[in-house]
N, C-alpha and C. Protein backbone atom coordinates (compact mmCIF):
# COMPACT_ATOMS: atom_id res chain seq x y z
N MET A 1 63.09 83.31 85.65
CA MET A 1 62.57 84.48 86.64
C MET A 1 63.91 85.39 87.49
N ALA A 2 63.83 86.33 87.56
CA ALA A 2 64.83 87.07 88.71
C ALA A 2 65.40 86.81 90.01
N GLN A 3 66.31 87.25 89.90
CA GLN A 3 66.98 86.59 91.10
C GLN A 3 66.84 87.21 92.13
N SER A 4 66.21 87.70 93.28
CA SER A 4 66.39 89.34 94.58
C SER A 4 67.81 88.99 95.44
N LEU A 5 68.73 89.60 94.74
CA LEU A 5 69.80 90.22 95.52
C LEU A 5 70.00 91.15 96.59
N HIS A 6 70.46 90.47 97.37
CA HIS A 6 70.26 90.85 99.26
C HIS A 6 71.76 91.58 99.20
N TRP A 7 71.94 93.03 99.10
CA TRP A 7 73.51 93.70 99.24
C TRP A 7 74.24 94.04 99.89
N GLN A 8 75.07 93.88 100.50
CA GLN A 8 75.87 94.12 102.33
C GLN A 8 77.42 95.00 102.40
N LYS A 9 76.37 96.26 103.02
CA LYS A 9 78.27 96.25 102.90
C LYS A 9 79.08 95.98 103.74
N SER A 10 80.37 96.25 103.11
CA SER A 10 81.31 95.91 104.10
C SER A 10 81.61 96.99 105.67
N SER A 11 82.42 96.05 105.85
CA SER A 11 82.46 96.83 107.71
C SER A 11 83.58 97.67 107.57
N PHE A 12 84.23 97.37 106.48
CA PHE A 12 86.01 98.49 106.27
C PHE A 12 85.20 99.46 105.37
N SER A 13 84.00 99.59 105.40
CA SER A 13 84.10 101.45 104.24
C SER A 13 83.50 102.25 105.23
N GLY A 14 83.88 103.53 104.74
CA GLY A 14 83.46 104.65 105.59
C GLY A 14 82.10 105.48 105.10
N GLY A 15 82.05 107.13 105.08
CA GLY A 15 81.70 107.85 105.13
C GLY A 15 80.31 108.10 106.11
N ALA A 16 79.94 108.83 106.65
CA ALA A 16 78.63 109.32 107.57
C ALA A 16 77.44 108.92 106.83
N ASP A 17 77.25 109.84 106.17
CA ASP A 17 75.92 109.66 104.44
C ASP A 17 75.91 107.67 104.14
N GLY A 18 76.89 107.24 104.57
CA GLY A 18 76.62 106.17 103.70
C GLY A 18 76.86 105.98 102.26
N ASN A 19 77.34 106.63 101.54
CA ASN A 19 77.18 106.61 100.25
C ASN A 19 78.87 105.90 99.82
N GLU A 20 79.22 105.92 100.81
CA GLU A 20 81.12 106.03 100.32
C GLU A 20 81.18 104.05 101.19
N CYS A 21 80.22 103.16 100.62
CA CYS A 21 80.36 101.93 100.82
C CYS A 21 80.84 100.87 99.09
N VAL A 22 81.56 99.76 100.12
CA VAL A 22 81.41 99.04 98.91
C VAL A 22 81.23 97.62 99.22
N GLU A 23 79.19 97.91 98.35
CA GLU A 23 78.91 96.46 98.32
C GLU A 23 77.88 95.22 98.30
N LEU A 24 78.30 94.00 99.10
CA LEU A 24 78.69 92.74 97.83
C LEU A 24 77.50 91.83 97.81
N ALA A 25 77.06 90.91 97.22
CA ALA A 25 75.34 90.36 97.18
C ALA A 25 76.57 88.43 96.21
N ALA A 26 75.83 88.00 96.72
CA ALA A 26 75.74 86.48 96.66
C ALA A 26 74.62 86.22 95.16
N ALA A 27 75.58 85.93 94.00
CA ALA A 27 74.77 85.10 93.27
C ALA A 27 74.88 83.94 92.65
N LEU A 28 74.22 83.12 91.82
CA LEU A 28 74.89 82.03 91.59
C LEU A 28 75.86 81.75 90.67
N HIS A 29 76.95 80.88 91.46
CA HIS A 29 78.16 81.04 91.10
C HIS A 29 79.00 82.29 91.06
N THR A 30 78.45 83.44 91.24
CA THR A 30 79.61 84.79 91.13
C THR A 30 79.01 86.02 92.64
N LEU A 31 79.76 86.64 92.79
CA LEU A 31 80.03 87.30 93.46
C LEU A 31 79.90 89.09 93.20
N LEU A 32 79.16 89.49 93.41
CA LEU A 32 78.16 91.32 93.43
C LEU A 32 79.34 91.80 93.75
N ILE A 33 79.94 92.95 93.29
CA ILE A 33 80.39 94.00 93.81
C ILE A 33 80.14 95.06 93.47
N ARG A 34 79.84 96.68 94.28
CA ARG A 34 79.78 97.76 93.26
C ARG A 34 79.73 98.58 94.16
N GLU A 35 80.05 99.83 94.13
CA GLU A 35 80.67 101.29 95.12
C GLU A 35 78.43 101.26 95.48
N SER A 36 78.44 101.83 96.47
CA SER A 36 77.13 102.04 97.41
C SER A 36 77.18 104.05 96.04
N ASP A 37 77.22 104.48 95.96
CA ASP A 37 77.53 105.42 95.22
C ASP A 37 76.90 105.51 93.81
N GLN A 38 77.35 104.27 93.21
CA GLN A 38 77.00 104.07 91.38
C GLN A 38 76.56 102.66 91.66
N PRO A 39 75.20 102.47 92.48
CA PRO A 39 74.75 100.88 92.06
C PRO A 39 74.08 100.04 90.94
N THR A 40 74.65 100.64 89.68
CA THR A 40 74.39 100.32 88.19
C THR A 40 75.06 99.60 88.01
N HIS A 41 76.93 100.59 88.87
CA HIS A 41 77.92 100.21 87.80
C HIS A 41 78.13 99.02 88.46
N VAL A 42 77.80 96.99 88.83
CA VAL A 42 77.99 96.50 89.10
C VAL A 42 79.39 95.36 88.26
N ILE A 43 80.65 94.63 89.67
CA ILE A 43 81.47 94.01 88.75
C ILE A 43 81.43 92.63 89.09
N ALA A 44 81.10 91.67 88.68
CA ALA A 44 80.94 89.59 89.00
C ALA A 44 81.95 89.14 88.46
N VAL A 45 82.49 88.82 90.12
CA VAL A 45 83.35 87.58 89.94
C VAL A 45 83.29 86.77 89.84
N ASP A 46 83.40 85.47 89.90
CA ASP A 46 84.06 83.62 90.57
C ASP A 46 84.78 83.96 91.45
N GLN A 47 84.88 83.04 92.17
CA GLN A 47 85.99 82.53 93.36
C GLN A 47 87.19 83.28 92.64
N LEU A 48 87.60 82.45 91.94
CA LEU A 48 89.08 82.29 91.37
C LEU A 48 89.83 84.35 90.78
N GLY A 49 88.22 84.79 90.69
CA GLY A 49 89.02 86.47 90.03
C GLY A 49 88.61 87.22 91.36
N LEU A 50 87.89 86.56 92.15
CA LEU A 50 87.64 87.11 93.76
C LEU A 50 89.43 87.11 94.70
N VAL A 51 89.81 85.79 94.33
CA VAL A 51 91.10 85.82 95.04
C VAL A 51 92.08 86.32 93.68
N ALA A 52 92.22 86.52 92.73
CA ALA A 52 92.69 87.15 91.98
C ALA A 52 93.09 88.89 92.37
N LEU A 53 91.35 89.96 91.90
CA LEU A 53 91.34 90.94 92.75
C LEU A 53 91.77 90.82 94.23
N LEU A 54 91.36 91.22 94.88
CA LEU A 54 91.92 91.04 96.10
C LEU A 54 94.01 90.97 96.35
N HIS A 55 94.25 90.08 95.64
CA HIS A 55 95.86 90.08 95.42
C HIS A 55 96.12 91.33 94.97
N HIS A 56 95.52 91.31 93.96
CA HIS A 56 96.00 93.11 93.46
C HIS A 56 95.99 94.01 93.60
N VAL A 57 94.54 94.27 94.27
CA VAL A 57 94.43 95.28 95.69
C VAL A 57 95.52 95.42 96.78
N ARG A 58 95.87 94.37 97.23
CA ARG A 58 96.74 94.37 98.14
C ARG A 58 98.60 94.43 98.02
N ALA A 59 98.62 94.48 96.48
CA ALA A 59 99.97 94.42 95.99
C ALA A 59 100.15 96.34 96.37
N ARG A 60 99.08 96.49 95.23
CA ARG A 60 98.83 97.82 95.48
C ARG A 60 98.55 98.59 96.29
N GLY A 61 98.15 98.32 97.43
CA GLY A 61 98.32 98.83 99.41
C GLY A 61 99.48 98.79 99.65
N ALA A 62 100.21 98.28 99.07
CA ALA A 62 101.91 97.64 99.61
C ALA A 62 102.53 99.54 99.00
N ASP A 63 102.01 99.18 97.31
CA ASP A 63 103.12 99.85 96.06
C ASP A 63 102.93 101.53 97.07
N THR A 64 103.94 102.05 97.50
CA THR A 64 103.86 102.92 97.78
C THR A 64 104.42 104.24 96.58
N THR A 65 104.53 103.31 95.19
CA THR A 65 104.83 104.79 94.33
C THR A 65 104.20 104.87 93.50
N GLY A 66 102.96 104.54 93.91
CA GLY A 66 101.71 105.30 92.73
C GLY A 66 101.06 104.24 92.14
């Protein structure tokens, strides 16, 4: 049986029309991440994958060389 997902928008997402949001949903042993303007493109990560993704995003945010 398919699991019903509850998608939650990030409080850091912007956009007045609501289509520029990062959304998260918890699934069995994974966290699902998608952009609201492309809801069929979903990234599934486990806890270690999410930690690695956040470290990478933070490092790229501090990188001013592009």
